[in-house]
């Protein structure tokens, strides 16, 4: 499983294993994605799937272009001790 527990949505219909993925983007990004998918001869769903399939991941499963999450130090009194 990924970085956190997720509940998988039900399939969109009984004959496929496809799931809905909702996202909100600016109108400029929406137009850009629509244009890129159309230029590739793909639906937006297939275009996004192709991008995800091509996303290079590091050894931690994080996209190589993504900054690593900031390291967080434990709160005072919450440190773990080696036994």
PDB file of N, CA and C in Angstrom:
ATOM      1  N   UNK A   1       0.852  -1.187   0.000  1.00  0.00           N
ATOM      2  CA  UNK A   1       0.000   0.000   0.000  1.00  0.00           C
ATOM      3  C   UNK A   1       0.885   1.233   0.000  1.00  0.00           C
ATOM      4  N   UNK A   2       0.341   2.361  -0.393  1.00  0.00           N
ATOM      5  CA  UNK A   2       1.075   3.606  -0.473  1.00  0.00           C
ATOM      6  C   UNK A   2       1.459   4.151   0.883  1.00  0.00           C
ATOM      7  N   UNK A   3       1.662   5.450   0.927  1.00  0.00           N
ATOM      8  CA  UNK A   3       2.158   6.097   2.127  1.00  0.00           C
ATOM      9  C   UNK A   3       1.126   6.130   3.246  1.00  0.00           C
ATOM     10  N   UNK A   4      -0.134   6.018   2.941  1.00  0.00           N
ATOM     11  CA  UNK A   4      -1.163   6.055   3.974  1.00  0.00           C
ATOM     12  C   UNK A   4      -2.262   5.066   3.612  1.00  0.00           C
ATOM     13  N   UNK A   5      -3.090   4.748   4.582  1.00  0.00           N
ATOM     14  CA  UNK A   5      -4.208   3.849   4.326  1.00  0.00           C
ATOM     15  C   UNK A   5      -5.207   4.553   3.416  1.00  0.00           C
ATOM     16  N   UNK A   6      -5.669   3.850   2.406  1.00  0.00           N
ATOM     17  CA  UNK A   6      -6.642   4.414   1.474  1.00  0.00           C
ATOM     18  C   UNK A   6      -7.790   3.448   1.309  1.00  0.00           C
ATOM     19  N   UNK A   7      -8.971   4.000   1.119  1.00  0.00           N
ATOM     20  CA  UNK A   7     -10.132   3.167   0.806  1.00  0.00           C
ATOM     21  C   UNK A   7     -10.362   3.251  -0.692  1.00  0.00           C
ATOM     22  N   UNK A   8     -10.291   2.121  -1.355  1.00  0.00           N
ATOM     23  CA  UNK A   8     -10.464   2.065  -2.796  1.00  0.00           C
ATOM     24  C   UNK A   8     -11.926   2.285  -3.145  1.00  0.00           C
ATOM     25  N   UNK A   9     -12.217   3.275  -4.008  1.00  0.00           N
ATOM     26  CA  UNK A   9     -13.617   3.480  -4.405  1.00  0.00           C
ATOM     27  C   UNK A   9     -14.133   2.275  -5.188  1.00  0.00           C
ATOM     28  N   UNK A  10     -15.433   2.142  -5.221  1.00  0.00           N
ATOM     29  CA  UNK A  10     -16.038   1.061  -5.995  1.00  0.00           C
ATOM     30  C   UNK A  10     -15.818   1.307  -7.480  1.00  0.00           C
ATOM     31  N   UNK A  11     -15.824   0.224  -8.289  1.00  0.00           N
ATOM     32  CA  UNK A  11     -15.686   0.411  -9.737  1.00  0.00           C
ATOM     33  C   UNK A  11     -16.814   1.287 -10.283  1.00  0.00           C
ATOM     34  N   UNK A  12     -16.526   1.959 -11.395  1.00  0.00           N
ATOM     35  CA  UNK A  12     -17.537   2.823 -12.005  1.00  0.00           C
ATOM     36  C   UNK A  12     -18.699   2.013 -12.557  1.00  0.00           C
ATOM     37  N   UNK A  13     -18.429   0.779 -12.975  1.00  0.00           N
ATOM     38  CA  UNK A  13     -19.507  -0.151 -13.349  1.00  0.00           C
ATOM     39  C   UNK A  13     -18.990  -1.573 -13.181  1.00  0.00           C
ATOM     40  N   UNK A  14     -19.886  -2.515 -13.187  1.00  0.00           N
ATOM     41  CA  UNK A  14     -19.531  -3.902 -12.873  1.00  0.00           C
ATOM     42  C   UNK A  14     -18.640  -4.556 -13.919  1.00  0.00           C
ATOM     43  N   UNK A  15     -18.599  -4.025 -15.141  1.00  0.00           N
ATOM     44  CA  UNK A  15     -17.835  -4.685 -16.204  1.00  0.00           C
ATOM     45  C   UNK A  15     -16.380  -4.212 -16.290  1.00  0.00           C
ATOM     46  N   UNK A  16     -15.974  -3.270 -15.443  1.00  0.00           N
ATOM     47  CA  UNK A  16     -14.585  -2.800 -15.471  1.00  0.00           C
ATOM     48  C   UNK A  16     -14.033  -2.712 -14.055  1.00  0.00           C
ATOM     49  N   UNK A  17     -12.738  -2.506 -13.979  1.00  0.00           N
ATOM     50  CA  UNK A  17     -12.079  -2.290 -12.693  1.00  0.00           C
ATOM     51  C   UNK A  17     -11.668  -0.821 -12.574  1.00  0.00           C
ATOM     52  N   UNK A  18     -12.245   0.054 -13.385  1.00  0.00           N
ATOM     53  CA  UNK A  18     -11.887   1.464 -13.384  1.00  0.00           C
ATOM     54  C   UNK A  18     -12.477   2.176 -12.173  1.00  0.00           C
ATOM     55  N   UNK A  19     -11.719   3.143 -11.645  1.00  0.00           N
ATOM     56  CA  UNK A  19     -12.142   3.938 -10.493  1.00  0.00           C
ATOM     57  C   UNK A  19     -12.156   5.409 -10.882  1.00  0.00           C
ATOM     58  N   UNK A  20     -12.991   6.189 -10.226  1.00  0.00           N
ATOM     59  CA  UNK A  20     -13.058   7.632 -10.465  1.00  0.00           C
ATOM     60  C   UNK A  20     -11.918   8.310  -9.715  1.00  0.00           C
ATOM     61  N   UNK A  21     -11.272   9.260 -10.369  1.00  0.00           N
ATOM     62  CA  UNK A  21     -10.230  10.073  -9.761  1.00  0.00           C
ATOM     63  C   UNK A  21     -10.631  11.525  -9.963  1.00  0.00           C
ATOM     64  N   UNK A  22     -10.994  12.207  -8.891  1.00  0.00           N
ATOM     65  CA  UNK A  22     -11.418  13.606  -8.994  1.00  0.00           C
ATOM     66  C   UNK A  22     -10.257  14.512  -8.633  1.00  0.00           C
ATOM     67  N   UNK A  23     -10.175  15.632  -9.348  1.00  0.00           N
ATOM     68  CA  UNK A  23      -9.140  16.617  -9.058  1.00  0.00           C
ATOM     69  C   UNK A  23      -9.648  18.000  -9.452  1.00  0.00           C
ATOM     70  N   UNK A  24      -9.084  19.007  -8.835  1.00  0.00           N
ATOM     71  CA  UNK A  24      -9.429  20.387  -9.145  1.00  0.00           C
ATOM     72  C   UNK A  24      -8.180  21.102  -9.636  1.00  0.00           C
ATOM     73  N   UNK A  25      -8.300  21.768 -10.762  1.00  0.00           N
ATOM     74  CA  UNK A  25      -7.187  22.510 -11.349  1.00  0.00           C
ATOM     75  C   UNK A  25      -7.699  23.857 -11.852  1.00  0.00           C
ATOM     76  N   UNK A  26      -6.766  24.749 -12.111  1.00  0.00           N
ATOM     77  CA  UNK A  26      -7.151  26.049 -12.663  1.00  0.00           C
ATOM     78  C   UNK A  26      -7.699  25.861 -14.077  1.00  0.00           C
ATOM     79  N   UNK A  27      -8.412  26.869 -14.555  1.00  0.00           N
ATOM     80  CA  UNK A  27      -8.966  26.779 -15.912  1.00  0.00           C
ATOM     81  C   UNK A  27      -7.843  26.686 -16.949  1.00  0.00           C
ATOM     82  N   UNK A  28      -6.710  27.325 -16.680  1.00  0.00           N
ATOM     83  CA  UNK A  28      -5.574  27.249 -17.607  1.00  0.00           C
ATOM     84  C   UNK A  28      -5.017  25.834 -17.664  1.00  0.00           C
ATOM     85  N   UNK A  29      -4.872  25.199 -16.505  1.00  0.00           N
ATOM     86  CA  UNK A  29      -4.372  23.826 -16.460  1.00  0.00           C
ATOM     87  C   UNK A  29      -5.369  22.887 -17.118  1.00  0.00           C
ATOM     88  N   UNK A  30      -6.650  23.087 -16.870  1.00  0.00           N
ATOM     89  CA  UNK A  30      -7.680  22.258 -17.494  1.00  0.00           C
ATOM     90  C   UNK A  30      -7.564  22.325 -19.014  1.00  0.00           C
ATOM     91  N   UNK A  31      -7.459  23.549 -19.557  1.00  0.00           N
ATOM     92  CA  UNK A  31      -7.339  23.713 -21.013  1.00  0.00           C
ATOM     93  C   UNK A  31      -6.069  23.058 -21.532  1.00  0.00           C
ATOM     94  N   UNK A  32      -4.974  23.205 -20.796  1.00  0.00           N
ATOM     95  CA  UNK A  32      -3.699  22.619 -21.201  1.00  0.00           C
ATOM     96  C   UNK A  32      -3.791  21.092 -21.257  1.00  0.00           C
ATOM     97  N   UNK A  33      -4.382  20.487 -20.233  1.00  0.00           N
ATOM     98  CA  UNK A  33      -4.521  19.033 -20.210  1.00  0.00           C
ATOM     99  C   UNK A  33      -5.423  18.562 -21.346  1.00  0.00           C
ATOM    100  N   UNK A  34      -6.526  19.252 -21.556  1.00  0.00           N
ATOM    101  CA  UNK A  34      -7.429  18.875 -22.647  1.00  0.00           C
ATOM    102  C   UNK A  34      -6.701  18.939 -23.989  1.00  0.00           C
ATOM    103  N   UNK A  35      -5.941  20.031 -24.224  1.00  0.00           N
ATOM    104  CA  UNK A  35      -5.194  20.184 -25.480  1.00  0.00           C
ATOM    105  C   UNK A  35      -4.146  19.086 -25.650  1.00  0.00           C
ATOM    106  N   UNK A  36      -3.415  18.792 -24.568  1.00  0.00           N
ATOM    107  CA  UNK A  36      -2.355  17.776 -24.649  1.00  0.00           C
ATOM    108  C   UNK A  36      -2.946  16.396 -24.928  1.00  0.00           C
ATOM    109  N   UNK A  37      -4.017  16.056 -24.249  1.00  0.00           N
ATOM    110  CA  UNK A  37      -4.651  14.755 -24.476  1.00  0.00           C
ATOM    111  C   UNK A  37      -5.157  14.652 -25.911  1.00  0.00           C
ATOM    112  N   UNK A  38      -5.809  15.704 -26.369  1.00  0.00           N
ATOM    113  CA  UNK A  38      -6.326  15.702 -27.744  1.00  0.00           C
ATOM    114  C   UNK A  38      -5.187  15.586 -28.754  1.00  0.00           C
ATOM    115  N   UNK A  39      -4.102  16.316 -28.525  1.00  0.00           N
ATOM    116  CA  UNK A  39      -2.950  16.250 -29.435  1.00  0.00           C
ATOM    117  C   UNK A  39      -2.335  14.861 -29.471  1.00  0.00           C
ATOM    118  N   UNK A  40      -2.411  14.149 -28.349  1.00  0.00           N
ATOM    119  CA  UNK A  40      -1.881  12.788 -28.278  1.00  0.00           C
ATOM    120  C   UNK A  40      -2.880  11.760 -28.794  1.00  0.00           C
ATOM    121  N   UNK A  41      -4.095  12.216 -29.114  1.00  0.00           N
ATOM    122  CA  UNK A  41      -5.127  11.295 -29.574  1.00  0.00           C
ATOM    123  C   UNK A  41      -5.680  10.424 -28.456  1.00  0.00           C
ATOM    124  N   UNK A  42      -5.654  10.958 -27.229  1.00  0.00           N
ATOM    125  CA  UNK A  42      -6.087  10.201 -26.057  1.00  0.00           C
ATOM    126  C   UNK A  42      -7.188  10.936 -25.312  1.00  0.00           C
ATOM    127  N   UNK A  43      -7.957  10.181 -24.549  1.00  0.00           N
ATOM    128  CA  UNK A  43      -8.864  10.809 -23.593  1.00  0.00           C
ATOM    129  C   UNK A  43      -8.007  11.353 -22.451  1.00  0.00           C
ATOM    130  N   UNK A  44      -8.566  12.224 -21.644  1.00  0.00           N
ATOM    131  CA  UNK A  44      -7.824  12.741 -20.493  1.00  0.00           C
ATOM    132  C   UNK A  44      -7.469  11.591 -19.548  1.00  0.00           C
ATOM    133  N   UNK A  45      -8.364  10.654 -19.359  1.00  0.00           N
ATOM    134  CA  UNK A  45      -8.080   9.507 -18.492  1.00  0.00           C
ATOM    135  C   UNK A  45      -6.877   8.715 -18.995  1.00  0.00           C
ATOM    136  N   UNK A  46      -6.860   8.421 -20.271  1.00  0.00           N
ATOM    137  CA  UNK A  46      -5.727   7.659 -20.828  1.00  0.00           C
ATOM    138  C   UNK A  46      -4.445   8.490 -20.823  1.00  0.00           C
ATOM    139  N   UNK A  47      -4.562   9.787 -21.045  1.00  0.00           N
ATOM    140  CA  UNK A  47      -3.395  10.673 -20.999  1.00  0.00           C
ATOM    141  C   UNK A  47      -2.784  10.673 -19.601  1.00  0.00           C
ATOM    142  N   UNK A  48      -3.617  10.848 -18.567  1.00  0.00           N
ATOM    143  CA  UNK A  48      -3.108  10.838 -17.194  1.00  0.00           C
ATOM    144  C   UNK A  48      -2.527   9.476 -16.829  1.00  0.00           C
ATOM    145  N   UNK A  49      -3.161   8.405 -17.250  1.00  0.00           N
ATOM    146  CA  UNK A  49      -2.631   7.063 -16.997  1.00  0.00           C
ATOM    147  C   UNK A  49      -1.260   6.890 -17.644  1.00  0.00           C
ATOM    148  N   UNK A  50      -1.105   7.402 -18.874  1.00  0.00           N
ATOM    149  CA  UNK A  50       0.182   7.299 -19.573  1.00  0.00           C
ATOM    150  C   UNK A  50       1.262   8.094 -18.835  1.00  0.00           C
ATOM    151  N   UNK A  51       0.917   9.276 -18.341  1.00  0.00           N
ATOM    152  CA  UNK A  51       1.889  10.062 -17.583  1.00  0.00           C
ATOM    153  C   UNK A  51       2.315   9.336 -16.308  1.00  0.00           C
ATOM    154  N   UNK A  52       1.356   8.766 -15.609  1.00  0.00           N
ATOM    155  CA  UNK A  52       1.658   8.043 -14.368  1.00  0.00           C
ATOM    156  C   UNK A  52       2.515   6.821 -14.659  1.00  0.00           C
ATOM    157  N   UNK A  53       2.190   6.107 -15.726  1.00  0.00           N
ATOM    158  CA  UNK A  53       2.978   4.924 -16.098  1.00  0.00           C
ATOM    159  C   UNK A  53       4.428   5.279 -16.407  1.00  0.00           C
ATOM    160  N   UNK A  54       4.667   6.488 -16.904  1.00  0.00           N
ATOM    161  CA  UNK A  54       6.013   6.916 -17.288  1.00  0.00           C
ATOM    162  C   UNK A  54       6.759   7.648 -16.167  1.00  0.00           C
ATOM    163  N   UNK A  55       6.100   7.893 -15.051  1.00  0.00           N
ATOM    164  CA  UNK A  55       6.696   8.626 -13.936  1.00  0.00           C
ATOM    165  C   UNK A  55       7.815   7.799 -13.310  1.00  0.00           C
ATOM    166  N   UNK A  56       9.041   8.338 -13.334  1.00  0.00           N
ATOM    167  CA  UNK A  56      10.191   7.636 -12.752  1.00  0.00           C
ATOM    168  C   UNK A  56      10.178   7.813 -11.235  1.00  0.00           C
ATOM    169  N   UNK A  57      10.343   6.684 -10.517  1.00  0.00           N
ATOM    170  CA  UNK A  57      10.302   6.707  -9.063  1.00  0.00           C
ATOM    171  C   UNK A  57      11.676   6.414  -8.474  1.00  0.00           C
ATOM    172  N   UNK A  58      11.937   7.006  -7.301  1.00  0.00           N
ATOM    173  CA  UNK A  58      13.182   6.698  -6.601  1.00  0.00           C
ATOM    174  C   UNK A  58      13.005   5.438  -5.769  1.00  0.00           C
ATOM    175  N   UNK A  59      14.015   5.080  -4.978  1.00  0.00           N
ATOM    176  CA  UNK A  59      13.966   3.837  -4.207  1.00  0.00           C
ATOM    177  C   UNK A  59      12.897   3.855  -3.122  1.00  0.00           C
ATOM    178  N   UNK A  60      12.389   5.033  -2.758  1.00  0.00           N
ATOM    179  CA  UNK A  60      11.320   5.146  -1.767  1.00  0.00           C
ATOM    180  C   UNK A  60       9.932   5.184  -2.402  1.00  0.00           C
ATOM    181  N   UNK A  61       9.864   5.070  -3.744  1.00  0.00           N
ATOM    182  CA  UNK A  61       8.581   5.115  -4.425  1.00  0.00           C
ATOM    183  C   UNK A  61       8.074   6.520  -4.686  1.00  0.00           C
ATOM    184  N   UNK A  62       8.934   7.530  -4.487  1.00  0.00           N
ATOM    185  CA  UNK A  62       8.561   8.935  -4.691  1.00  0.00           C
ATOM    186  C   UNK A  62       9.016   9.348  -6.094  1.00  0.00           C
ATOM    187  N   UNK A  63       8.201  10.110  -6.814  1.00  0.00           N
ATOM    188  CA  UNK A  63       8.657  10.597  -8.128  1.00  0.00           C
ATOM    189  C   UNK A  63       9.991  11.331  -7.985  1.00  0.00           C
ATOM    190  N   UNK A  64      10.922  11.077  -8.919  1.00  0.00           N
ATOM    191  CA  UNK A  64      12.261  11.663  -8.810  1.00  0.00           C
ATOM    192  C   UNK A  64      12.236  13.189  -8.875  1.00  0.00           C
ATOM    193  N   UNK A  65      11.190  13.760  -9.458  1.00  0.00           N
ATOM    194  CA  UNK A  65      11.113  15.221  -9.566  1.00  0.00           C
ATOM    195  C   UNK A  65      10.567  15.863  -8.289  1.00  0.00           C
ATOM    196  N   UNK A  66      10.024  15.074  -7.359  1.00  0.00           N
ATOM    197  CA  UNK A  66       9.407  15.615  -6.142  1.00  0.00           C
ATOM    198  C   UNK A  66      10.452  15.809  -5.050  1.00  0.00           C
ATOM    199  N   UNK A  67      10.348  16.911  -4.350  1.00  0.00           N
ATOM    200  CA  UNK A  67      11.223  17.164  -3.208  1.00  0.00           C
ATOM    201  C   UNK A  67      10.879  16.180  -2.094  1.00  0.00           C
ATOM    202  N   UNK A  68      11.882  15.672  -1.381  1.00  0.00           N
ATOM    203  CA  UNK A  68      11.559  14.794  -0.253  1.00  0.00           C
ATOM    204  C   UNK A  68      10.804  15.565   0.822  1.00  0.00           C
ATOM    205  N   UNK A  69       9.937  14.875   1.562  1.00  0.00           N
ATOM    206  CA  UNK A  69       9.206  15.575   2.618  1.00  0.00           C
ATOM    207  C   UNK A  69      10.185  16.079   3.682  1.00  0.00           C
ATOM    208  N   UNK A  70       9.840  17.184   4.338  1.00  0.00           N
ATOM    209  CA  UNK A  70      10.755  17.698   5.357  1.00  0.00           C
ATOM    210  C   UNK A  70      10.892  16.701   6.499  1.00  0.00           C
ATOM    211  N   UNK A  71      12.109  16.597   7.028  1.00  0.00           N
ATOM    212  CA  UNK A  71      12.334  15.736   8.191  1.00  0.00           C
ATOM    213  C   UNK A  71      11.720  16.397   9.398  1.00  0.00           C
ATOM    214  N   UNK A  72      11.015  15.634  10.163  1.00  0.00           N
ATOM    215  CA  UNK A  72      10.430  16.180  11.379  1.00  0.00           C
ATOM    216  C   UNK A  72      11.108  15.546  12.575  1.00  0.00           C
ATOM    217  N   UNK A  73      11.454  16.361  13.513  1.00  0.00           N
ATOM    218  CA  UNK A  73      12.069  15.893  14.748  1.00  0.00           C
ATOM    219  C   UNK A  73      10.960  15.601  15.746  1.00  0.00           C
ATOM    220  N   UNK A  74      11.155  14.594  16.599  1.00  0.00           N
ATOM    221  CA  UNK A  74      10.127  14.320  17.605  1.00  0.00           C
ATOM    222  C   UNK A  74       9.972  15.489  18.577  1.00  0.00           C
ATOM    223  N   UNK A  75       8.788  15.624  19.114  1.00  0.00           N
ATOM    224  CA  UNK A  75       8.535  16.654  20.109  1.00  0.00           C
ATOM    225  C   UNK A  75       9.334  16.333  21.368  1.00  0.00           C
ATOM    226  N   UNK A  76       9.694  17.368  22.131  1.00  0.00           N
ATOM    227  CA  UNK A  76      10.437  17.115  23.374  1.00  0.00           C
ATOM    228  C   UNK A  76       9.684  16.117  24.243  1.00  0.00           C
ATOM    229  N   UNK A  77      10.415  15.151  24.776  1.00  0.00           N
ATOM    230  CA  UNK A  77       9.816  14.121  25.600  1.00  0.00           C
ATOM    231  C   UNK A  77       9.264  12.955  24.820  1.00  0.00           C
ATOM    232  N   UNK A  78       9.245  13.045  23.498  1.00  0.00           N
ATOM    233  CA  UNK A  78       8.697  11.978  22.650  1.00  0.00           C
ATOM    234  C   UNK A  78       9.804  11.189  21.936  1.00  0.00           C
ATOM    235  N   UNK A  79      11.060  11.484  22.268  1.00  0.00           N
ATOM    236  CA  UNK A  79      12.167  10.799  21.586  1.00  0.00           C
ATOM    237  C   UNK A  79      12.140   9.316  21.896  1.00  0.00           C
ATOM    238  N   UNK A  80      12.562   8.525  20.941  1.00  0.00           N
ATOM    239  CA  UNK A  80      12.681   7.090  21.186  1.00  0.00           C
ATOM    240  C   UNK A  80      14.077   6.821  21.697  1.00  0.00           C
ATOM    241  N   UNK A  81      14.202   5.859  22.541  1.00  0.00           N
ATOM    242  CA  UNK A  81      15.517   5.505  23.082  1.00  0.00           C
ATOM    243  C   UNK A  81      15.878   4.106  22.637  1.00  0.00           C
ATOM    244  N   UNK A  82      17.155   3.912  22.357  1.00  0.00           N
ATOM    245  CA  UNK A  82      17.630   2.581  21.958  1.00  0.00           C
ATOM    246  C   UNK A  82      17.782   1.731  23.206  1.00  0.00           C
ATOM    247  N   UNK A  83      17.297   0.522  23.150  1.00  0.00           N
ATOM    248  CA  UNK A  83      17.375  -0.355  24.324  1.00  0.00           C
ATOM    249  C   UNK A  83      18.606  -1.216  24.269  1.00  0.00           C
TER     250      UNK A  83
END
